[in-house]
Amino acid sequence: MGQAPSCQNPILDVSPPEPLKRGGCGGGGRRLRGRDAKEKDDEGDELDLTERLPDECLGYVFGRLGVGDRNCCSLVCKRWNLVESRSRQRLSLCARSDLSPILPSLLLRRFHSVSVLSLRCPRKHLPSIDDSALLSIARSLPLLRKLKLKGCNALTDDGLLSFSVNLLNSSPSSPPLAKLSLASCGFGARGIASIVSNCGLLRDLSLKRLRKLDAQNVPIEIIHSKSNHHQRKHHDHGGSGISKLERVCLKDMHNPKILIPLLRSSNKLKTLVVCRSTSVGWDTTLGCLPPSLLELQLDGVLVGDAGLSAVSSACPDLDVLYLGRVSHCTDAGLSTLASSCRKLRKLHVEALSRFSGGLTIGDAGVLSVAARCPLLQELVLMGIPVTVRSLSLLASCCPSLERVALCDSDSVGDHELELIATKFAALRKLCIKNCPVSDYGMDAISVGCPNLVKLKIKRCREVTLASVCRMRLQRKSLVVSVDAAPLLSDGDDDDDDDALPAITAVGVAAAVAGSMGNGSNRRQHSHGWMGTTNVATDVVCGSRGASLLRAKLSSALQLRKPS
């Protein structure tokens, strides 16, 4: 069990057992080894080939297994249980009951090398672990680098303080905590501040749905820990722990003003992610960001032009900007940001008007970005009414633009695709989703964009399978991803029910024999259009399109059954 792959690995130097040596080499040797092992078994001498494997080799094999197989292997014998526990680096526990009585013994006796630990409580009022269990984690796992706590309502600020102090007093050779994720827990600002202050190498902090923290209305003040020998060596502003914080993720946090001290003292912060927060005050909070920030992601946040203006003043080196369903952001705010953040490389904008009809960013904002951000490499616009004017300016002012996605826009049609094919010479990846484009635009793309390597077309009903096949013949190295929904009909027949009898199990393999007229299939194999055999290899169907095709095939087969 597992001995053959281990012996074939050139990195592992494992001497074969004696029966293997007598077998010689070649095919006859393999038959002789099998007979020798069988004879020994018949004589009553049990031969376990895994006994000769060193613990390091056995641990390497366990590391290549999945979670279920690994758990089963730990039950084979005491040696395998010990080796598996020593080689396990990741541990995820879902509390169905109180884990506090068994957690210390579980960690102390078995898992000493765990560096990634996840504790989750699926029930809201179930006490999964308490402060004493959290303290035992700090004492039992000296190699802990990543910790995730979700739904641990029994933990308090004092428990987090004791946990961080024990991590602080651990062996200097042990790697400190580098990533911490806290979700739906019951502690407040004092516990989080103690973790950040005492963990000198904490770089990634995620705070999600901390209702008590929002309700307390207490700012997260970072305090210098005098007992921390690392902080005595590095007297940075805000403490050495917070100065090395590089990423902060905030989800469902509805009191932004309590986060101002945390963000202001993070003078090495590079990435900030804020999701699902409709509370006022983010415009002021974003003005407290450090100038080291390179990436900002705002999704479902109540931010206006004042917030974008504050970001432009505080973070002139901003590199990546995601604006997803942000309210009260207009072309003026995006233009102000583009005037200061001229190093912008990636811009993702998703309009909110499709959901609530509020203010949104339009074509004028795209024009400002195109004129003032010459280093732009990636542009994703969802629900933005982009026009030929802004696309022409992007082509002339952004020569490094390699990735473009235009989604949910009625203004993007065949003329816009023709312009992209003509002027976007550096484009490598293009995505068009839910736009009124047709085969004419697809044919223009097939003869333009010389560096294009991937094209994705989603929910464009006027694009037929015939244009996809023609593009595949002209651009054999181009990977085309098309969902199945628009390919069930070529647009000439709007009644899908009439096409159902023509779709059979054999018709799916027959592919595009009639795609130029009234084709209704999405794949082509060996009997395809114009004799080609590899047209379908680069057409990838999305899950939604595949489900739709499966439903239509089932209906067609039911109609074809004799009554």
Protein backbone atom coordinates (compact mmCIF):
# COMPACT_ATOMS: atom_id res chain seq x y z
CA MET A 1 0.00 0.00 0.00
CA GLY A 2 1.86 3.02 -1.23
CA GLN A 3 5.26 1.31 -1.49
CA ALA A 4 5.55 1.35 -5.28
CA PRO A 5 5.30 5.13 -5.81
CA SER A 6 7.72 5.73 -2.96
CA CYS A 7 10.39 3.43 -4.42
CA GLN A 8 10.04 4.98 -7.85
CA ASN A 9 10.59 8.51 -6.54
CA PRO A 10 14.21 9.49 -7.42
CA ILE A 11 14.37 11.95 -4.51
CA LEU A 12 13.79 9.31 -1.86
CA ASP A 13 16.66 6.89 -1.23
CA VAL A 14 14.92 3.78 0.13
CA SER A 15 16.65 0.40 0.04
CA PRO A 16 14.39 -2.39 -1.21
CA PRO A 17 13.72 -5.37 1.06
CA GLU A 18 15.50 -8.67 0.55
CA PRO A 19 12.79 -10.40 -1.52
CA LEU A 20 13.03 -7.55 -4.02
CA LYS A 21 16.82 -8.02 -4.32
CA ARG A 22 16.53 -11.71 -5.12
CA GLY A 23 14.00 -11.07 -7.82
CA GLY A 24 16.51 -9.58 -10.23
CA CYS A 25 15.23 -7.11 -12.87
CA GLY A 26 12.82 -7.13 -15.77
CA GLY A 27 9.42 -8.74 -16.08
CA GLY A 28 10.60 -12.13 -14.78
CA GLY A 29 11.90 -10.45 -11.65
CA ARG A 30 8.47 -9.06 -10.93
CA ARG A 31 6.88 -12.51 -11.22
CA LEU A 32 9.54 -14.04 -8.96
CA ARG A 33 9.00 -11.36 -6.31
CA GLY A 34 5.29 -12.06 -6.33
CA ARG A 35 5.89 -15.83 -5.91
CA ASP A 36 8.38 -15.27 -3.10
CA ALA A 37 5.98 -13.03 -1.19
CA LYS A 38 3.20 -15.53 -1.67
CA GLU A 39 5.34 -18.45 -0.48
CA LYS A 40 6.27 -16.59 2.67
CA ASP A 41 2.65 -15.82 3.31
CA ASP A 42 1.76 -19.51 2.85
CA GLU A 43 4.50 -20.51 5.29
CA GLY A 44 3.05 -18.19 7.94
CA ASP A 45 5.68 -15.44 7.78
CA GLU A 46 3.83 -12.22 7.20
CA LEU A 47 5.70 -9.74 5.03
CA ASP A 48 4.85 -6.02 5.37
CA LEU A 49 6.73 -4.07 2.73
CA THR A 50 5.93 -0.76 4.46
CA GLU A 51 8.01 -1.71 7.52
CA ARG A 52 11.19 -0.91 5.64
CA LEU A 53 9.95 2.56 4.68
CA PRO A 54 11.39 5.34 6.87
CA ASP A 55 9.01 7.70 8.62
CA GLU A 56 9.98 10.55 6.31
CA CYS A 57 9.01 8.53 3.22
CA LEU A 58 5.74 7.41 4.78
CA GLY A 59 4.93 10.99 5.76
CA TYR A 60 5.64 12.11 2.18
CA VAL A 61 3.14 9.53 0.90
CA PHE A 62 0.52 10.70 3.38
CA GLY A 63 1.04 14.25 2.21
CA ARG A 64 0.02 13.26 -1.34
CA LEU A 65 -3.33 11.83 -0.20
CA GLY A 66 -6.67 13.49 0.22
CA VAL A 67 -8.28 14.23 3.55
CA GLY A 68 -10.48 11.13 3.60
CA ASP A 69 -7.74 8.71 2.57
CA ARG A 70 -5.35 10.29 5.02
CA ASN A 71 -7.78 9.88 7.90
CA CYS A 72 -8.28 6.24 6.97
CA CYS A 73 -4.53 5.63 6.85
CA SER A 74 -4.16 7.03 10.37
CA LEU A 75 -6.35 4.14 11.63
CA VAL A 76 -4.25 1.33 10.14
CA CYS A 77 -1.75 0.95 12.98
CA LYS A 78 -0.06 2.91 15.76
CA ARG A 79 2.98 3.73 13.65
CA TRP A 80 0.92 5.13 10.80
CA ASN A 81 -1.14 7.12 13.28
CA LEU A 82 2.01 8.63 14.77
CA VAL A 83 3.61 9.41 11.41
CA GLU A 84 0.41 10.91 10.05
CA SER A 85 -0.03 13.15 13.09
CA ARG A 86 3.57 14.39 12.90
CA SER A 87 3.39 15.13 9.17
CA ARG A 88 0.01 16.89 9.19
CA GLN A 89 0.32 20.64 8.73
CA ARG A 90 -3.30 21.63 8.23
CA LEU A 91 -6.15 20.90 10.61
CA SER A 92 -9.80 21.92 10.21
CA LEU A 93 -12.33 21.20 12.97
CA CYS A 94 -16.08 21.76 12.80
CA ALA A 95 -17.59 21.77 16.29
CA ARG A 96 -20.76 19.72 16.64
CA SER A 97 -20.44 20.02 20.42
CA ASP A 98 -18.17 21.68 22.97
CA LEU A 99 -14.53 21.00 22.02
CA SER A 100 -12.94 22.61 25.06
CA PRO A 101 -12.53 19.37 27.11
CA ILE A 102 -10.93 17.36 24.30
CA LEU A 103 -9.09 20.01 22.32
CA PRO A 104 -5.98 20.26 24.57
CA SER A 105 -5.39 16.51 24.66
CA LEU A 106 -6.11 16.20 20.95
CA LEU A 107 -3.51 18.80 20.03
CA LEU A 108 -0.94 17.77 22.63
CA ARG A 109 -0.99 14.06 21.89
CA ARG A 110 -1.30 14.01 18.14
CA PHE A 111 -0.75 17.16 16.12
CA HIS A 112 2.46 18.96 16.97
CA SER A 113 3.41 20.22 13.49
CA VAL A 114 0.16 21.94 12.56
CA SER A 115 0.81 25.38 11.06
CA VAL A 116 -2.70 26.09 9.67
CA LEU A 117 -5.65 25.68 12.05
CA SER A 118 -9.33 26.32 11.35
CA LEU A 119 -12.01 26.12 14.06
CA ARG A 120 -15.62 26.54 13.01
CA CYS A 121 -18.88 26.35 14.95
CA PRO A 122 -21.92 26.02 12.65
CA ARG A 123 -24.49 26.61 15.40
CA LYS A 124 -24.97 30.12 16.72
CA HIS A 125 -25.57 29.34 20.40
CA LEU A 126 -23.19 26.38 20.71
CA PRO A 127 -20.04 27.10 22.80
CA SER A 128 -17.37 25.46 20.64
CA ILE A 129 -14.18 26.54 22.44
CA ASP A 130 -13.51 28.83 25.40
CA ASP A 131 -10.56 30.93 26.53
CA SER A 132 -8.73 28.01 28.15
CA ALA A 133 -8.89 25.96 24.94
CA LEU A 134 -7.54 28.89 22.94
CA LEU A 135 -4.69 29.23 25.42
CA SER A 136 -3.83 25.54 24.99
CA ILE A 137 -3.61 26.11 21.24
CA ALA A 138 -0.94 28.75 21.74
CA ARG A 139 1.02 26.41 24.02
CA SER A 140 0.61 23.25 21.94
CA LEU A 141 1.25 24.58 18.43
CA PRO A 142 4.57 26.45 18.32
CA LEU A 143 4.57 26.36 14.49
CA LEU A 144 1.17 28.02 14.09
CA ARG A 145 1.20 30.50 11.21
CA LYS A 146 -2.44 30.72 10.12
CA LEU A 147 -5.49 30.69 12.39
CA LYS A 148 -9.16 30.93 11.43
CA LEU A 149 -11.92 31.23 14.02
CA LYS A 150 -15.55 31.25 12.91
CA GLY A 151 -18.59 31.26 15.15
CA CYS A 152 -16.59 31.00 18.40
CA ASN A 153 -18.93 33.05 20.58
CA ALA A 154 -17.47 31.85 23.88
CA LEU A 155 -14.14 33.61 23.30
CA THR A 156 -13.57 36.91 25.10
CA ASP A 157 -11.09 39.76 24.94
CA ASP A 158 -9.16 38.28 27.87
CA GLY A 159 -8.82 35.00 25.99
CA LEU A 160 -7.35 36.72 22.97
CA LEU A 161 -4.99 38.66 25.20
CA SER A 162 -3.72 35.48 26.88
CA PHE A 163 -3.39 33.79 23.48
CA SER A 164 -1.31 36.62 22.03
CA VAL A 165 0.93 36.84 25.12
CA ASN A 166 1.70 33.10 24.96
CA LEU A 167 2.53 33.41 21.28
CA LEU A 168 4.79 36.29 22.20
CA ASN A 169 6.62 34.22 24.83
CA SER A 170 7.12 31.22 22.55
CA SER A 171 10.50 30.09 21.27
CA PRO A 172 12.28 32.74 19.14
CA SER A 173 13.04 30.09 16.52
CA SER A 174 9.34 29.32 16.02
CA PRO A 175 7.62 31.25 13.21
CA PRO A 176 5.03 33.66 14.66
CA LEU A 177 1.43 34.05 13.60
CA ALA A 178 1.26 35.58 10.11
CA LYS A 179 -2.42 35.28 9.09
CA LEU A 180 -5.52 35.63 11.28
CA SER A 181 -9.18 35.39 10.25
CA LEU A 182 -11.95 36.17 12.75
CA ALA A 183 -15.58 35.69 11.71
CA SER A 184 -18.81 35.83 13.74
CA CYS A 185 -17.01 35.78 17.10
CA GLY A 186 -17.96 37.48 20.37
CA PHE A 187 -14.94 39.59 21.29
CA GLY A 188 -14.38 43.30 20.88
CA ALA A 189 -11.75 45.89 20.09
CA ARG A 190 -9.45 45.14 23.05
CA GLY A 191 -8.89 41.52 22.00
CA ILE A 192 -8.15 42.41 18.38
CA ALA A 193 -5.78 45.19 19.45
CA SER A 194 -3.86 42.75 21.69
CA ILE A 195 -3.44 40.28 18.83
CA VAL A 196 -2.15 42.93 16.45
CA SER A 197 0.16 44.48 19.04
CA ASN A 198 1.76 41.24 20.29
CA CYS A 199 2.09 39.30 17.02
CA GLY A 200 5.10 40.98 15.48
CA LEU A 201 4.88 39.35 12.05
CA LEU A 202 1.13 39.43 11.51
CA ARG A 203 0.66 40.35 7.84
CA ASP A 204 -2.91 39.32 7.00
CA LEU A 205 -5.94 40.24 9.12
CA SER A 206 -9.57 39.43 8.22
CA LEU A 207 -12.52 40.68 10.26
CA LYS A 208 -15.96 39.40 9.27
CA ARG A 209 -19.36 39.91 10.91
CA LEU A 210 -18.09 40.92 14.35
CA ARG A 211 -21.38 42.25 15.73
CA LYS A 212 -20.04 42.89 19.22
CA LEU A 213 -17.18 44.92 17.82
CA ASP A 214 -19.62 47.11 15.90
CA ALA A 215 -21.93 47.48 18.88
CA GLN A 216 -19.20 48.46 21.34
CA ASN A 217 -18.26 51.51 19.27
CA VAL A 218 -14.71 51.36 20.66
CA PRO A 219 -11.83 52.16 18.29
CA ILE A 220 -9.15 49.51 17.75
CA GLU A 221 -6.21 51.27 19.37
CA ILE A 222 -2.84 49.62 18.84
CA ILE A 223 -0.76 49.62 22.04
CA HIS A 224 3.00 49.10 22.25
CA SER A 225 3.83 45.93 24.17
CA LYS A 226 6.83 46.57 26.39
CA SER A 227 7.37 42.87 26.99
CA ASN A 228 7.79 42.13 23.32
CA HIS A 229 11.50 41.74 22.61
CA HIS A 230 10.83 42.12 18.89
CA GLN A 231 9.17 45.48 19.44
CA ARG A 232 12.06 46.68 21.60
CA LYS A 233 14.30 46.20 18.58
CA HIS A 234 11.97 47.96 16.14
CA HIS A 235 10.25 51.08 17.46
CA ASP A 236 8.10 51.77 14.43
CA HIS A 237 5.07 54.03 14.45
CA GLY A 238 2.12 52.05 15.76
CA GLY A 239 4.19 49.07 16.96
CA SER A 240 6.18 46.55 15.04
CA GLY A 241 3.23 44.16 14.71
CA ILE A 242 0.95 46.64 12.98
CA SER A 243 3.73 48.13 10.89
CA LYS A 244 4.14 44.79 9.11
CA LEU A 245 0.44 44.32 8.41
CA GLU A 246 0.14 44.08 4.61
CA ARG A 247 -3.46 43.01 4.00
CA VAL A 248 -6.72 43.82 5.77
CA CYS A 249 -10.08 42.32 4.77
CA LEU A 250 -13.31 43.72 6.23
CA LYS A 251 -16.64 42.03 5.46
CA ASP A 252 -20.01 42.96 6.95
CA MET A 253 -18.40 45.52 9.25
CA HIS A 254 -20.85 48.36 9.74
CA ASN A 255 -18.97 50.80 11.97
CA PRO A 256 -16.11 52.18 9.88
CA LYS A 257 -14.97 54.87 12.32
CA ILE A 258 -13.66 52.32 14.85
CA LEU A 259 -11.23 51.08 12.16
CA ILE A 260 -9.53 54.43 11.63
CA PRO A 261 -6.73 53.89 14.22
CA LEU A 262 -6.03 50.42 12.81
CA LEU A 263 -5.74 51.65 9.21
CA ARG A 264 -3.85 54.83 10.08
CA SER A 265 -1.10 52.97 11.97
CA SER A 266 -0.67 50.32 9.25
CA ASN A 267 2.14 52.13 7.47
CA LYS A 268 3.03 49.04 5.39
CA LEU A 269 -0.48 48.18 4.28
CA LYS A 270 -0.68 47.13 0.63
CA THR A 271 -4.17 45.65 0.19
CA LEU A 272 -7.52 46.68 1.66
CA VAL A 273 -10.73 44.74 0.92
CA VAL A 274 -14.10 46.08 2.11
CA CYS A 275 -17.28 44.15 1.28
CA ARG A 276 -20.97 44.53 2.13
CA SER A 277 -21.08 47.62 4.29
CA THR A 278 -23.88 50.14 3.84
CA SER A 279 -23.00 52.34 6.81
CA VAL A 280 -22.09 55.98 6.39
CA GLY A 281 -18.61 57.15 7.23
CA TRP A 282 -16.48 55.28 4.71
CA ASP A 283 -15.60 58.47 2.87
CA THR A 284 -13.83 59.74 6.00
CA THR A 285 -12.28 56.35 6.81
CA LEU A 286 -10.74 55.98 3.35
CA GLY A 287 -8.98 59.30 3.86
CA CYS A 288 -6.93 57.72 6.69
CA LEU A 289 -5.32 55.08 4.47
CA PRO A 290 -1.51 54.95 4.41
CA PRO A 291 0.34 56.04 1.26
CA SER A 292 1.78 52.52 0.90
CA LEU A 293 -1.59 51.12 -0.25
CA LEU A 294 -1.42 49.50 -3.70
CA GLU A 295 -4.74 47.63 -4.00
CA LEU A 296 -8.22 48.72 -2.95
CA GLN A 297 -11.34 46.59 -3.34
CA LEU A 298 -14.76 48.04 -2.53
CA ASP A 299 -17.80 45.82 -3.07
CA GLY A 300 -21.25 46.85 -1.91
CA VAL A 301 -19.92 49.78 0.14
CA LEU A 302 -21.60 53.16 0.68
CA VAL A 303 -18.88 55.31 -0.90
CA GLY A 304 -19.24 58.46 -2.95
CA ASP A 305 -17.06 60.85 -4.89
CA ALA A 306 -15.69 62.24 -1.62
CA GLY A 307 -14.31 58.80 -0.78
CA LEU A 308 -12.63 58.42 -4.17
CA SER A 309 -11.15 61.89 -3.80
CA ALA A 310 -9.81 60.94 -0.35
CA VAL A 311 -8.22 57.80 -1.79
CA SER A 312 -6.58 59.80 -4.57
CA SER A 313 -5.00 62.13 -2.01
CA ALA A 314 -3.90 59.45 0.47
CA CYS A 315 -2.72 56.75 -1.98
CA PRO A 316 -0.98 58.24 -5.02
CA ASP A 317 0.71 54.91 -5.86
CA LEU A 318 -2.55 52.96 -6.12
CA ASP A 319 -2.06 50.05 -8.52
CA VAL A 320 -5.33 48.06 -8.47
CA LEU A 321 -8.87 49.40 -7.95
CA TYR A 322 -12.08 47.36 -7.71
CA LEU A 323 -15.38 49.26 -7.52
CA GLY A 324 -18.24 46.78 -7.27
CA ARG A 325 -21.78 48.09 -6.73
CA VAL A 326 -20.60 51.19 -4.91
CA SER A 327 -23.20 53.90 -4.52
CA HIS A 328 -22.89 57.63 -5.14
CA CYS A 329 -19.75 57.26 -7.30
CA THR A 330 -19.89 59.25 -10.52
CA ASP A 331 -17.60 60.23 -13.38
CA ALA A 332 -16.30 63.20 -11.37
CA GLY A 333 -15.00 60.98 -8.56
CA LEU A 334 -13.32 58.53 -10.94
CA SER A 335 -11.78 61.42 -12.88
CA THR A 336 -10.32 62.88 -9.67
CA LEU A 337 -8.83 59.53 -8.73
CA ALA A 338 -7.37 59.02 -12.22
CA SER A 339 -5.72 62.45 -12.04
CA SER A 340 -3.68 61.47 -8.95
CA CYS A 341 -3.28 57.69 -9.34
CA ARG A 342 -1.52 57.62 -12.69
CA LYS A 343 0.16 54.27 -11.96
CA LEU A 344 -3.14 52.40 -12.10
CA ARG A 345 -2.74 49.02 -13.82
CA LYS A 346 -6.05 47.25 -13.10
CA LEU A 347 -9.50 48.79 -12.95
CA HIS A 348 -12.73 46.89 -12.31
CA VAL A 349 -15.99 48.86 -12.23
CA GLU A 350 -19.44 47.33 -11.72
CA ALA A 351 -22.35 49.73 -11.99
CA LEU A 352 -25.05 49.87 -9.36
CA SER A 353 -27.74 51.22 -11.68
CA ARG A 354 -28.72 47.70 -12.75
CA PHE A 355 -29.85 46.98 -9.19
CA SER A 356 -31.18 50.22 -7.71
CA GLY A 357 -31.10 52.87 -10.41
CA GLY A 358 -28.77 55.16 -8.45
CA LEU A 359 -25.80 57.21 -9.56
CA THR A 360 -23.18 55.39 -11.56
CA ILE A 361 -20.04 55.81 -13.61
CA GLY A 362 -20.43 56.33 -17.35
CA ASP A 363 -18.43 56.81 -20.50
CA ALA A 364 -16.93 60.11 -19.30
CA GLY A 365 -15.24 58.35 -16.41
CA VAL A 366 -13.71 55.81 -18.78
CA LEU A 367 -12.44 58.67 -20.93
CA SER A 368 -10.70 60.21 -17.90
CA VAL A 369 -9.03 56.91 -17.01
CA ALA A 370 -7.90 56.37 -20.60
CA ALA A 371 -6.37 59.85 -20.83
CA ARG A 372 -4.57 59.82 -17.47
CA CYS A 373 -3.58 56.20 -16.78
CA PRO A 374 -1.18 55.14 -19.56
CA LEU A 375 0.02 52.04 -17.65
CA LEU A 376 -3.41 50.40 -17.65
CA GLN A 377 -3.19 46.67 -18.39
CA GLU A 378 -6.56 45.28 -17.30
CA LEU A 379 -10.01 46.86 -17.65
CA VAL A 380 -13.30 45.25 -16.56
CA LEU A 381 -16.50 47.25 -17.07
CA MET A 382 -19.85 45.80 -15.99
CA GLY A 383 -22.95 47.78 -16.78
CA ILE A 384 -20.93 50.79 -17.99
CA PRO A 385 -22.21 52.38 -21.24
CA VAL A 386 -18.85 52.44 -23.00
CA THR A 387 -18.76 53.87 -26.53
CA VAL A 388 -16.48 53.99 -29.54
CA ARG A 389 -15.07 57.30 -28.34
CA SER A 390 -13.72 55.93 -25.06
CA LEU A 391 -12.50 52.71 -26.69
CA SER A 392 -10.54 54.73 -29.27
CA LEU A 393 -8.88 56.76 -26.53
CA LEU A 394 -8.02 53.57 -24.63
CA ALA A 395 -6.38 52.13 -27.73
CA SER A 396 -4.27 55.23 -28.35
CA CYS A 397 -3.34 56.15 -24.75
CA CYS A 398 -2.99 52.69 -23.14
CA PRO A 399 -0.62 50.66 -25.34
CA SER A 400 -0.12 48.00 -22.63
CA LEU A 401 -3.80 47.08 -22.32
CA GLU A 402 -3.85 43.27 -22.45
CA ARG A 403 -7.11 42.20 -20.75
CA VAL A 404 -10.53 43.71 -21.42
CA ALA A 405 -13.97 42.59 -20.25
CA LEU A 406 -17.18 44.36 -21.32
CA CYS A 407 -20.31 43.03 -19.65
CA ASP A 408 -24.01 43.92 -19.42
CA SER A 409 -23.82 46.92 -21.72
CA ASP A 410 -26.29 47.69 -24.48
CA SER A 411 -23.84 50.13 -26.07
CA VAL A 412 -21.28 47.43 -26.94
CA GLY A 413 -22.11 46.04 -30.37
CA ASP A 414 -20.47 44.97 -33.59
CA HIS A 415 -18.97 48.40 -34.31
CA GLU A 416 -17.24 48.42 -30.92
CA LEU A 417 -15.88 44.92 -31.52
CA GLU A 418 -14.64 45.99 -34.94
CA LEU A 419 -12.78 48.91 -33.36
CA ILE A 420 -11.25 46.60 -30.74
CA ALA A 421 -10.13 44.22 -33.45
CA THR A 422 -8.55 47.04 -35.43
CA LYS A 423 -6.81 49.15 -32.77
CA PHE A 424 -6.15 46.93 -29.73
CA ALA A 425 -2.94 45.36 -30.93
CA ALA A 426 -1.62 44.30 -27.50
CA LEU A 427 -4.88 42.66 -26.40
CA ARG A 428 -4.42 39.07 -25.20
CA LYS A 429 -7.70 38.26 -23.43
CA LEU A 430 -11.16 39.55 -24.31
CA CYS A 431 -14.49 38.83 -22.59
CA ILE A 432 -17.87 39.93 -23.93
CA LYS A 433 -20.88 39.10 -21.76
CA ASN A 434 -24.56 39.91 -22.30
CA CYS A 435 -23.95 42.45 -25.07
CA PRO A 436 -25.79 42.84 -28.41
CA VAL A 437 -22.95 41.50 -30.60
CA SER A 438 -23.44 39.18 -33.55
CA ASP A 439 -21.46 37.08 -36.00
CA TYR A 440 -20.26 40.24 -37.73
CA GLY A 441 -18.35 41.31 -34.63
CA MET A 442 -16.98 37.79 -34.16
CA ASP A 443 -15.67 37.76 -37.73
CA ALA A 444 -13.98 41.11 -37.12
CA ILE A 445 -12.23 39.73 -34.04
CA SER A 446 -11.08 36.65 -35.95
CA VAL A 447 -9.10 38.80 -38.42
CA GLY A 448 -7.90 41.40 -35.88
CA CYS A 449 -6.17 41.42 -32.48
CA PRO A 450 -2.99 39.59 -33.56
CA ASN A 451 -1.90 38.81 -29.97
CA LEU A 452 -5.27 37.51 -28.77
CA VAL A 453 -4.96 34.11 -27.06
CA LYS A 454 -8.35 33.75 -25.33
CA LEU A 455 -11.85 34.91 -26.21
CA LYS A 456 -14.86 34.44 -23.93
CA ILE A 457 -18.42 35.05 -25.16
CA LYS A 458 -21.24 34.69 -22.65
CA ARG A 459 -24.99 35.22 -23.07
CA CYS A 460 -24.71 36.89 -26.47
CA ARG A 461 -27.78 35.49 -28.20
CA GLU A 462 -26.94 36.71 -31.70
CA VAL A 463 -23.65 34.80 -31.83
CA THR A 464 -24.10 31.47 -33.60
CA LEU A 465 -22.01 28.35 -33.70
CA ALA A 466 -21.10 29.01 -37.32
CA SER A 467 -19.05 32.10 -36.44
CA VAL A 468 -17.31 30.17 -33.67
CA CYS A 469 -16.34 27.44 -36.11
CA ARG A 470 -15.09 29.94 -38.66
CA MET A 471 -12.99 31.67 -36.00
CA ARG A 472 -11.55 28.33 -34.93
CA LEU A 473 -10.52 27.55 -38.49
CA GLN A 474 -8.88 30.95 -38.98
CA ARG A 475 -7.25 31.18 -35.53
CA LYS A 476 -6.27 27.67 -34.54
CA SER A 477 -4.22 28.82 -31.55
CA LEU A 478 -7.07 30.92 -30.14
CA VAL A 479 -9.01 29.46 -27.18
CA VAL A 480 -12.71 30.30 -27.53
CA SER A 481 -15.04 29.91 -24.55
CA VAL A 482 -18.74 30.11 -25.40
CA ASP A 483 -21.71 29.14 -23.25
CA ALA A 484 -24.25 26.75 -24.73
CA ALA A 485 -27.40 28.86 -24.39
CA PRO A 486 -26.99 31.06 -27.48
CA LEU A 487 -25.67 28.18 -29.56
CA LEU A 488 -28.86 26.16 -29.31
CA SER A 489 -30.30 28.44 -32.01
CA ASP A 490 -28.70 30.62 -34.64
CA GLY A 491 -31.22 33.44 -34.13
CA ASP A 492 -33.44 32.63 -37.15
CA ASP A 493 -35.83 30.51 -35.11
CA ASP A 494 -37.07 32.09 -31.89
CA ASP A 495 -39.22 29.14 -30.89
CA ASP A 496 -37.02 26.76 -28.91
CA ASP A 497 -39.74 24.14 -28.67
CA ASP A 498 -39.74 23.64 -32.42
CA ALA A 499 -36.06 22.77 -32.33
CA LEU A 500 -36.40 20.15 -29.60
CA PRO A 501 -37.28 17.18 -31.84
CA ALA A 502 -34.14 17.86 -33.91
CA ILE A 503 -31.87 17.39 -30.87
CA THR A 504 -31.09 13.74 -30.24
CA ALA A 505 -28.30 11.82 -28.61
CA VAL A 506 -26.73 11.18 -32.01
CA GLY A 507 -27.29 14.76 -33.06
CA VAL A 508 -25.09 16.05 -30.25
CA ALA A 509 -22.11 14.10 -31.60
CA ALA A 510 -22.91 15.08 -35.17
CA ALA A 511 -22.25 18.75 -34.25
CA VAL A 512 -22.36 21.47 -36.86
CA ALA A 513 -23.47 19.74 -40.00
CA GLY A 514 -26.32 22.22 -40.33
CA SER A 515 -24.95 25.08 -38.25
CA MET A 516 -24.73 27.43 -41.22
CA GLY A 517 -28.48 27.09 -41.69
CA ASN A 518 -30.47 26.09 -38.63
CA GLY A 519 -27.88 24.38 -36.44
CA SER A 520 -28.89 23.45 -32.92
CA ASN A 521 -25.82 21.68 -31.55
CA ARG A 522 -22.82 23.00 -29.67
CA ARG A 523 -20.15 20.32 -30.25
CA GLN A 524 -18.43 18.90 -33.31
CA HIS A 525 -16.36 15.72 -33.26
CA SER A 526 -15.28 13.47 -36.08
CA HIS A 527 -18.13 14.17 -38.53
CA GLY A 528 -18.11 17.93 -38.27
CA TRP A 529 -18.55 20.82 -40.60
CA MET A 530 -16.07 20.96 -43.49
CA GLY A 531 -14.45 17.74 -42.28
CA THR A 532 -12.67 19.28 -39.29
CA THR A 533 -12.20 17.13 -36.21
CA ASN A 534 -11.01 19.47 -33.46
CA VAL A 535 -13.43 22.39 -33.51
CA ALA A 536 -15.10 21.50 -30.21
CA THR A 537 -11.88 21.08 -28.26
CA ASP A 538 -11.54 24.80 -27.58
CA VAL A 539 -15.23 25.57 -27.01
CA VAL A 540 -15.85 25.45 -23.28
CA CYS A 541 -19.43 25.56 -22.05
CA GLY A 542 -20.37 27.21 -18.79
CA SER A 543 -22.27 25.36 -16.08
CA ARG A 544 -25.47 27.32 -16.72
CA GLY A 545 -25.34 26.59 -20.44
CA ALA A 546 -24.56 22.93 -19.85
CA SER A 547 -27.56 22.61 -17.52
CA LEU A 548 -29.80 24.21 -20.14
CA LEU A 549 -28.53 21.86 -22.85
CA ARG A 550 -29.01 18.86 -20.55
CA ALA A 551 -32.63 19.85 -19.92
CA LYS A 552 -33.33 20.28 -23.64
CA LEU A 553 -31.73 16.92 -24.43
CA SER A 554 -33.87 15.21 -21.82
CA SER A 555 -37.01 16.79 -23.27
CA ALA A 556 -36.02 15.79 -26.80
CA LEU A 557 -35.39 12.18 -25.80
CA GLN A 558 -38.76 12.03 -24.06
CA LEU A 559 -40.47 13.31 -27.22
CA ARG A 560 -38.65 10.73 -29.36
CA LYS A 561 -39.73 7.78 -27.21
CA PRO A 562 -42.44 5.66 -28.86
CA SER A 563 -45.77 5.90 -27.09
